[in-house]
Amino acid sequence: MWYQRAADTGNTSAMNNLGLLYMNGRGVDRDPTKGAALFRKAADAGNRDAMRNLAKVYREGAGVAADSALADEWQKRAEAVAPQ
């Protein structure tokens, strides 16, 4: 899978996109925990889209324990990052 190869090289957009695939079970077995972990890795590296997705999963409790404080924190971080 190309997204996996790119994610393995540190491409944060690929990490985010692969996370979406795992969250939705498209082309891979659905695995929200793995999807959330990919969002977190990309978000930690500064990817704005991943920060927004991570905020959403924390708000919904998808693949992680629901945590509104973390959801708010990641949303604020995303808003502070310039669009990519």
Protein backbone atom coordinates (compact mmCIF):
# COMPACT_ATOMS: atom_id res chain seq x y z
CA MET A 1 0.00 0.00 0.00
CA TRP A 2 1.46 3.34 -1.08
CA TYR A 3 0.16 5.33 1.87
CA GLN A 4 1.87 2.91 4.24
CA ARG A 5 5.16 3.22 2.40
CA ALA A 6 4.98 7.01 2.46
CA ALA A 7 3.91 7.04 6.13
CA ASP A 8 6.87 4.82 6.97
CA THR A 9 9.19 7.49 5.53
CA GLY A 10 7.66 10.16 7.78
CA ASN A 11 5.19 11.73 5.35
CA THR A 12 2.57 13.21 7.67
CA SER A 13 -0.06 13.62 4.94
CA ALA A 14 0.23 9.92 4.19
CA MET A 15 -0.06 9.12 7.91
CA ASN A 16 -3.24 11.19 8.11
CA ASN A 17 -4.72 9.65 4.97
CA LEU A 18 -3.85 6.15 6.11
CA GLY A 19 -5.48 6.95 9.43
CA LEU A 20 -8.67 7.87 7.59
CA LEU A 21 -8.59 4.56 5.73
CA TYR A 22 -8.29 2.65 9.01
CA MET A 23 -11.04 4.70 10.64
CA ASN A 24 -13.42 3.93 7.77
CA GLY A 25 -12.25 0.45 6.79
CA ARG A 26 -11.50 1.44 3.20
CA GLY A 27 -8.95 -0.80 1.57
CA VAL A 28 -7.88 -2.09 4.99
CA ASP A 29 -9.62 -3.77 7.90
CA ARG A 30 -11.40 -1.16 10.01
CA ASP A 31 -9.20 -0.37 13.01
CA PRO A 32 -10.05 2.91 14.78
CA THR A 33 -7.26 2.41 17.32
CA LYS A 34 -4.67 2.21 14.55
CA GLY A 35 -6.29 5.15 12.77
CA ALA A 36 -6.17 7.30 15.90
CA ALA A 37 -2.52 6.36 16.47
CA LEU A 38 -1.65 7.47 12.94
CA PHE A 39 -3.49 10.76 13.47
CA ARG A 40 -1.54 11.28 16.70
CA LYS A 41 1.81 10.60 15.06
CA ALA A 42 1.07 13.02 12.22
CA ALA A 43 -0.41 15.61 14.60
CA ASP A 44 2.66 15.44 16.84
CA ALA A 45 4.73 16.17 13.73
CA GLY A 46 2.64 19.29 12.99
CA ASN A 47 0.09 18.10 10.42
CA ARG A 48 -2.96 20.37 10.72
CA ASP A 49 -5.45 17.94 9.15
CA ALA A 50 -4.30 15.20 11.51
CA MET A 51 -4.76 17.57 14.46
CA ARG A 52 -8.36 18.18 13.38
CA ASN A 53 -8.97 14.46 12.91
CA LEU A 54 -7.43 13.72 16.28
CA ALA A 55 -9.70 16.30 17.91
CA LYS A 56 -12.66 14.57 16.29
CA VAL A 57 -11.71 11.10 17.50
CA TYR A 58 -11.18 12.38 21.04
CA ARG A 59 -14.55 14.10 20.91
CA GLU A 60 -16.29 10.95 19.62
CA GLY A 61 -14.22 8.35 21.46
CA ALA A 62 -13.33 6.58 18.21
CA GLY A 63 -10.22 4.46 18.74
CA VAL A 64 -9.39 6.36 21.93
CA ALA A 65 -11.20 7.10 25.16
CA ALA A 66 -13.47 10.11 24.71
CA ASP A 67 -11.83 13.20 26.20
CA SER A 68 -13.35 16.60 25.51
CA ALA A 69 -10.38 18.45 27.03
CA LEU A 70 -7.96 16.74 24.64
CA ALA A 71 -10.38 17.30 21.77
CA ASP A 72 -10.42 21.02 22.54
CA GLU A 73 -6.64 21.12 22.91
CA TRP A 74 -6.03 19.50 19.52
CA GLN A 75 -8.63 21.70 17.84
CA LYS A 76 -6.90 24.81 19.23
CA ARG A 77 -3.54 23.52 18.05
CA ALA A 78 -4.96 22.94 14.57
CA GLU A 79 -6.35 26.48 14.44
CA ALA A 80 -2.91 27.86 15.33
CA VAL A 81 -1.18 26.08 12.42
CA ALA A 82 -1.12 27.71 9.00
CA PRO A 83 -2.89 25.73 6.23
CA GLN A 84 -0.59 23.31 4.45
